Amino acid sequence: MTAPVTTEPQRPEAIEAIPVRHPWRWVGGAVIALLFAMLVHSILTNPNWNWGLVFEWMFAEPIIKGVGITLTLTVLSMIIGIVGGVILAVMRLSPNPVFTGSAWVYLWVFRGTPIYVQLFLWGNFIALYNELALGIPFGPEWFTFDTRTLIPAFVAALLGLGLNEAAYLAEIVRAGLLSVDEGQTEAATALGMSRGQSFRRVVFPQAMRVIVPPTGNETISMLKTTSLVIAIPLSTELLFQAQAIGNRLFQPFPMAIMASLWYLALTSILMVGQFYIERHYAKGATRNLPPTPIQRLKKSLSRGRS
């Protein structure tokens, strides 16, 4: 009787991995690179762009002053919008029907009419009311104010931008508050926190993860919306100054390009700030925070060396 023959198991052959080829990616990249090169060539070689005049007036005194007014309007308008938006959002979520109805009417009016029309009305408020008075309706007046003194051009621009922004931020804040689970509030109440404490310490910090990204977009949009205060008009604003210089030199196009470069630079700074604010409020929500641009650059360089 012969013994059974045993054979050792053979190792499977190594799999030869063939990378997937994407020829159309290279074709698309080549087409985009060609179009980009043509655009750059056109911008640099076409004398009608008049880059010399653009950079000659880029840092002129009236332009720098206009940039300052634009930034001031943006910051103050967003402060008014954020404060007003939080108040309106709380009113919308209130069980009081008077608060809810008042907030809804406010949002309906300010979101349903163009911002340009609102700015125009604030700029021409004196045409509606020469004086504003405080007192008893249909009775004696205690204090009277001259509208021209009370609402100059800058204040009119601030009111128009800030009150309009409050209507949009109210919905952003409301969405952020509703994104927090009700169990969070119940847990805070069980720990002995009051309604205000639970809102400040539990609900609002978590809602900020939802509120911050669209608020950053609204801030960037506000910076560009300040150009519409030309409807008032506010003569110290950036676009107004650029248009005035362009009309005086009979070169409106280069001055518009110059103003656009300023807006592009300022919005780029705001976008960087928005990234780091979002990254800060992402703590606790994600294990690994998104890498910063510097970290991404270091990683790319290390890959290139290896």
Protein backbone atom coordinates (compact mmCIF):
# COMPACT_ATOMS: atom_id res chain seq x y z
CA MET A 1 0.00 0.00 0.00
CA THR A 2 1.51 3.25 -1.11
CA ALA A 3 1.48 6.37 1.07
CA PRO A 4 -0.60 9.31 -0.18
CA VAL A 5 1.36 11.99 -1.95
CA THR A 6 1.15 15.39 -0.26
CA THR A 7 1.75 18.56 -2.21
CA GLU A 8 2.58 21.89 -0.65
CA PRO A 9 0.12 24.70 -1.44
CA GLN A 10 1.51 27.04 -4.01
CA ARG A 11 1.56 30.77 -3.45
CA PRO A 12 -0.65 32.71 -5.80
CA GLU A 13 1.11 34.75 -8.38
CA ALA A 14 1.57 38.44 -7.65
CA ILE A 15 -1.14 40.58 -9.12
CA GLU A 16 0.19 43.08 -11.58
CA ALA A 17 -1.73 46.27 -10.84
CA ILE A 18 -2.24 48.37 -13.95
CA PRO A 19 -3.12 51.96 -13.11
CA VAL A 20 -6.27 53.31 -14.68
CA ARG A 21 -5.44 55.73 -17.42
CA HIS A 22 -7.37 58.97 -17.85
CA PRO A 23 -6.38 60.42 -21.22
CA TRP A 24 -9.26 62.87 -21.28
CA ARG A 25 -7.96 64.50 -18.11
CA TRP A 26 -4.78 65.40 -19.93
CA VAL A 27 -6.77 66.66 -22.91
CA GLY A 28 -8.98 68.79 -20.67
CA GLY A 29 -5.98 70.11 -18.77
CA ALA A 30 -4.22 71.03 -22.01
CA VAL A 31 -7.30 72.87 -23.32
CA ILE A 32 -7.69 74.83 -20.06
CA ALA A 33 -3.98 75.69 -20.01
CA LEU A 34 -4.18 76.91 -23.61
CA LEU A 35 -7.24 79.07 -22.92
CA PHE A 36 -5.62 80.49 -19.79
CA ALA A 37 -2.43 81.34 -21.70
CA MET A 38 -4.49 83.09 -24.40
CA LEU A 39 -6.35 85.10 -21.73
CA VAL A 40 -3.12 86.18 -20.01
CA HIS A 41 -1.57 87.13 -23.35
CA SER A 42 -4.62 89.21 -24.25
CA ILE A 43 -4.67 91.01 -20.89
CA LEU A 44 -0.95 91.82 -20.97
CA THR A 45 -0.66 92.87 -24.60
CA ASN A 46 -3.93 94.77 -25.17
CA PRO A 47 -3.14 98.48 -24.61
CA ASN A 48 -6.81 99.27 -23.90
CA TRP A 49 -6.43 97.77 -20.42
CA ASN A 50 -4.07 100.67 -19.62
CA TRP A 51 -2.34 98.96 -16.71
CA GLY A 52 -0.02 101.92 -16.22
CA LEU A 53 -2.96 104.16 -15.32
CA VAL A 54 -4.45 101.45 -13.10
CA PHE A 55 -1.34 101.15 -10.93
CA GLU A 56 -0.74 104.90 -11.02
CA TRP A 57 -4.02 105.50 -9.17
CA MET A 58 -4.03 102.26 -7.16
CA PHE A 59 -2.73 103.88 -3.98
CA ALA A 60 -3.87 107.45 -4.54
CA GLU A 61 -5.19 109.30 -1.49
CA PRO A 62 -8.88 109.38 -2.50
CA ILE A 63 -8.78 105.65 -3.35
CA ILE A 64 -7.17 104.72 -0.02
CA LYS A 65 -9.78 106.84 1.76
CA GLY A 66 -12.50 105.06 -0.20
CA VAL A 67 -11.08 101.68 0.84
CA GLY A 68 -11.22 102.78 4.47
CA ILE A 69 -14.86 103.89 4.14
CA THR A 70 -15.73 100.61 2.43
CA LEU A 71 -14.15 98.55 5.22
CA THR A 72 -15.82 100.69 7.89
CA LEU A 73 -19.21 100.26 6.24
CA THR A 74 -18.66 96.51 5.97
CA VAL A 75 -17.69 96.05 9.63
CA LEU A 76 -20.39 98.29 11.11
CA SER A 77 -23.10 96.95 8.81
CA MET A 78 -22.23 93.36 9.73
CA ILE A 79 -22.32 94.24 13.44
CA ILE A 80 -25.81 95.69 12.98
CA GLY A 81 -26.80 92.68 10.88
CA ILE A 82 -25.48 90.10 13.37
CA VAL A 83 -27.10 91.75 16.40
CA GLY A 84 -30.35 92.28 14.54
CA GLY A 85 -30.24 88.79 13.06
CA VAL A 86 -29.85 87.13 16.46
CA ILE A 87 -32.73 89.18 17.90
CA LEU A 88 -34.98 88.40 14.94
CA ALA A 89 -34.10 84.69 15.02
CA VAL A 90 -34.98 84.47 18.72
CA MET A 91 -38.22 86.33 18.00
CA ARG A 92 -39.04 83.89 15.18
CA LEU A 93 -38.55 80.94 17.53
CA SER A 94 -40.48 82.57 20.37
CA PRO A 95 -43.85 81.10 21.38
CA ASN A 96 -45.18 84.67 21.56
CA PRO A 97 -47.26 85.23 18.38
CA VAL A 98 -46.64 89.00 18.48
CA PHE A 99 -42.85 88.50 18.37
CA THR A 100 -43.11 85.80 15.71
CA GLY A 101 -45.44 87.85 13.51
CA SER A 102 -43.38 91.04 13.84
CA ALA A 103 -40.17 89.23 12.90
CA TRP A 104 -41.87 87.56 9.92
CA VAL A 105 -43.14 90.91 8.60
CA TYR A 106 -39.65 92.42 8.96
CA LEU A 107 -38.10 89.56 6.99
CA TRP A 108 -40.85 89.73 4.39
CA VAL A 109 -40.28 93.44 3.73
CA PHE A 110 -36.47 93.57 3.77
CA ARG A 111 -35.91 90.33 1.88
CA GLY A 112 -38.65 91.05 -0.63
CA THR A 113 -37.39 94.45 -1.83
CA PRO A 114 -34.09 95.17 -3.64
CA ILE A 115 -31.23 96.49 -1.53
CA TYR A 116 -30.64 99.24 -4.11
CA VAL A 117 -34.20 100.52 -3.61
CA GLN A 118 -33.79 100.41 0.17
CA LEU A 119 -30.57 102.43 -0.04
CA PHE A 120 -32.26 104.91 -2.36
CA LEU A 121 -35.12 105.38 0.13
CA TRP A 122 -32.75 105.88 3.05
CA GLY A 123 -30.70 108.36 1.01
CA ASN A 124 -33.84 110.33 0.15
CA PHE A 125 -35.53 109.94 3.53
CA ILE A 126 -35.70 113.71 3.83
CA ALA A 127 -38.12 113.74 0.89
CA LEU A 128 -40.57 111.76 3.05
CA TYR A 129 -39.94 113.35 6.44
CA ASN A 130 -38.31 116.71 7.01
CA GLU A 131 -38.46 116.17 10.77
CA LEU A 132 -38.76 113.22 13.14
CA ALA A 133 -40.50 113.67 16.47
CA LEU A 134 -40.93 111.67 19.67
CA GLY A 135 -44.13 112.06 21.60
CA ILE A 136 -47.67 110.82 22.00
CA PRO A 137 -49.45 109.84 18.75
CA PHE A 138 -51.96 112.55 17.82
CA GLY A 139 -50.73 114.42 20.89
CA PRO A 140 -47.86 116.64 22.05
CA GLU A 141 -44.34 116.15 20.68
CA TRP A 142 -41.49 116.01 23.17
CA PHE A 143 -38.41 115.95 20.94
CA THR A 144 -37.98 116.99 17.31
CA PHE A 145 -35.02 116.14 15.08
CA ASP A 146 -33.99 117.50 11.70
CA THR A 147 -33.78 114.56 9.28
CA ARG A 148 -30.84 116.01 7.35
CA THR A 149 -28.81 116.26 10.55
CA LEU A 150 -30.02 112.98 12.03
CA ILE A 151 -29.46 110.82 8.92
CA PRO A 152 -26.47 112.02 6.87
CA ALA A 153 -25.24 110.02 3.88
CA PHE A 154 -22.96 107.70 5.88
CA VAL A 155 -25.68 106.88 8.44
CA ALA A 156 -28.19 106.29 5.65
CA ALA A 157 -25.79 103.83 4.00
CA LEU A 158 -25.18 102.11 7.32
CA LEU A 159 -28.88 101.74 8.08
CA GLY A 160 -29.67 100.50 4.59
CA LEU A 161 -26.95 97.86 4.59
CA GLY A 162 -27.24 96.77 8.23
CA LEU A 163 -31.03 96.47 8.44
CA ASN A 164 -31.15 94.55 5.17
CA GLU A 165 -28.40 92.19 6.31
CA ALA A 166 -30.24 91.50 9.59
CA ALA A 167 -33.11 89.95 7.64
CA TYR A 168 -30.81 87.42 5.94
CA LEU A 169 -28.71 86.65 9.01
CA ALA A 170 -31.90 86.03 11.00
CA GLU A 171 -32.64 82.97 8.86
CA ILE A 172 -29.03 81.80 9.08
CA VAL A 173 -29.05 82.05 12.88
CA ARG A 174 -32.46 80.38 13.07
CA ALA A 175 -31.22 77.47 10.95
CA GLY A 176 -28.17 77.13 13.19
CA LEU A 177 -30.27 77.08 16.37
CA LEU A 178 -32.66 74.51 14.92
CA SER A 179 -29.72 72.27 13.96
CA VAL A 180 -28.93 71.65 17.65
CA ASP A 181 -30.81 68.65 19.01
CA GLU A 182 -33.46 69.44 21.63
CA GLY A 183 -31.88 66.83 23.90
CA GLN A 184 -28.98 69.23 24.44
CA THR A 185 -31.31 71.79 26.00
CA GLU A 186 -33.04 69.12 28.07
CA ALA A 187 -29.70 67.87 29.36
CA ALA A 188 -28.61 71.40 30.27
CA THR A 189 -31.89 71.94 32.13
CA ALA A 190 -31.39 68.67 33.99
CA LEU A 191 -27.98 69.95 35.12
CA GLY A 192 -29.66 72.99 36.65
CA MET A 193 -28.92 75.57 33.95
CA SER A 194 -31.41 78.30 33.24
CA ARG A 195 -32.78 78.84 29.74
CA GLY A 196 -30.35 81.70 29.13
CA GLN A 197 -27.36 79.72 30.42
CA SER A 198 -28.19 76.70 28.28
CA PHE A 199 -28.53 78.97 25.26
CA ARG A 200 -25.16 80.70 25.83
CA ARG A 201 -23.14 77.68 26.93
CA VAL A 202 -24.68 74.74 25.10
CA VAL A 203 -26.93 75.65 22.17
CA PHE A 204 -25.22 78.70 20.65
CA PRO A 205 -21.62 77.29 20.59
CA GLN A 206 -22.86 74.21 18.71
CA ALA A 207 -25.00 76.30 16.38
CA MET A 208 -21.94 78.34 15.43
CA ARG A 209 -20.69 75.45 13.28
CA VAL A 210 -23.72 75.97 11.07
CA ILE A 211 -23.85 79.76 11.40
CA VAL A 212 -20.21 80.66 10.66
CA PRO A 213 -19.83 79.47 7.01
CA PRO A 214 -22.85 81.34 5.57
CA THR A 215 -22.08 84.36 7.78
CA GLY A 216 -18.61 84.48 6.27
CA ASN A 217 -20.16 84.43 2.82
CA GLU A 218 -22.51 87.24 3.85
CA THR A 219 -19.53 89.29 5.05
CA ILE A 220 -17.77 88.87 1.72
CA SER A 221 -21.00 89.75 -0.07
CA MET A 222 -21.45 92.80 2.16
CA LEU A 223 -18.01 94.10 1.17
CA LYS A 224 -19.10 94.08 -2.47
CA THR A 225 -22.61 95.33 -1.72
CA THR A 226 -21.15 98.53 -0.29
CA SER A 227 -20.60 99.58 -3.91
CA LEU A 228 -24.39 100.05 -4.17
CA VAL A 229 -24.33 102.99 -1.74
CA ILE A 230 -23.78 105.03 -4.89
CA ALA A 231 -27.60 105.16 -4.83
CA ILE A 232 -27.50 107.51 -1.81
CA PRO A 233 -24.88 108.73 -2.97
CA LEU A 234 -21.93 108.41 -0.58
CA SER A 235 -19.14 110.30 -2.30
CA THR A 236 -16.29 108.89 -0.17
CA GLU A 237 -16.93 105.24 -1.03
CA LEU A 238 -14.38 103.29 -3.14
CA LEU A 239 -16.43 102.74 -6.31
CA PHE A 240 -17.74 106.32 -6.28
CA GLN A 241 -14.19 107.66 -6.07
CA ALA A 242 -13.02 105.33 -8.85
CA GLN A 243 -15.88 106.39 -11.12
CA ALA A 244 -15.26 110.07 -10.37
CA ILE A 245 -11.58 109.74 -11.29
CA GLY A 246 -12.42 107.70 -14.38
CA ASN A 247 -14.93 110.29 -15.60
CA ARG A 248 -12.47 113.11 -14.98
CA LEU A 249 -9.71 111.35 -16.95
CA PHE A 250 -12.11 109.96 -19.60
CA GLN A 251 -10.81 106.51 -18.61
CA PRO A 252 -13.70 104.75 -16.81
CA PHE A 253 -12.62 101.21 -17.73
CA PRO A 254 -9.12 101.25 -16.11
CA MET A 255 -10.58 102.81 -12.97
CA ALA A 256 -13.23 100.09 -12.78
CA ILE A 257 -10.46 97.49 -13.08
CA MET A 258 -8.55 99.25 -10.30
CA ALA A 259 -11.59 99.16 -7.99
CA SER A 260 -12.15 95.50 -8.85
CA LEU A 261 -8.56 94.67 -7.85
CA TRP A 262 -9.14 96.31 -4.47
CA TYR A 263 -12.36 94.36 -3.95
CA LEU A 264 -10.60 91.14 -4.98
CA ALA A 265 -7.74 91.74 -2.53
CA LEU A 266 -10.06 92.56 0.37
CA THR A 267 -12.36 89.59 -0.25
CA SER A 268 -9.33 87.29 -0.44
CA ILE A 269 -8.29 88.42 3.05
CA LEU A 270 -11.82 87.81 4.33
CA MET A 271 -11.84 84.32 2.79
CA VAL A 272 -8.64 83.44 4.65
CA GLY A 273 -10.14 84.70 7.89
CA GLN A 274 -13.32 82.70 7.26
CA PHE A 275 -11.26 79.53 6.77
CA TYR A 276 -9.54 79.84 10.15
CA ILE A 277 -12.79 80.73 11.96
CA GLU A 278 -14.51 77.68 10.48
CA ARG A 279 -11.50 75.57 11.45
CA HIS A 280 -11.73 76.85 15.03
CA TYR A 281 -15.40 75.95 15.41
CA ALA A 282 -14.83 72.55 13.80
CA LYS A 283 -13.02 71.44 16.97
CA GLY A 284 -15.00 68.70 18.64
CA ALA A 285 -17.01 67.95 15.52
CA THR A 286 -14.23 66.26 13.53
CA ARG A 287 -11.25 64.25 14.72
CA ASN A 288 -8.84 65.70 12.21
CA LEU A 289 -9.08 69.40 11.47
CA PRO A 290 -8.70 70.42 7.82
CA PRO A 291 -5.08 71.29 7.03
CA THR A 292 -4.14 74.92 6.68
CA PRO A 293 -2.75 76.21 3.36
CA ILE A 294 0.77 76.23 4.87
CA GLN A 295 0.39 72.62 6.00
CA ARG A 296 -0.84 71.63 2.53
CA LEU A 297 2.16 73.37 0.95
CA LYS A 298 4.60 71.58 3.27
CA LYS A 299 2.95 68.24 2.49
CA SER A 300 3.18 68.86 -1.26
CA LEU A 301 6.85 69.82 -0.98
CA SER A 302 7.66 66.72 1.07
CA ARG A 303 5.95 64.51 -1.53
CA GLY A 304 7.92 66.21 -4.31
CA ARG A 305 11.24 65.56 -2.52
CA SER A 306 10.41 61.92 -1.88
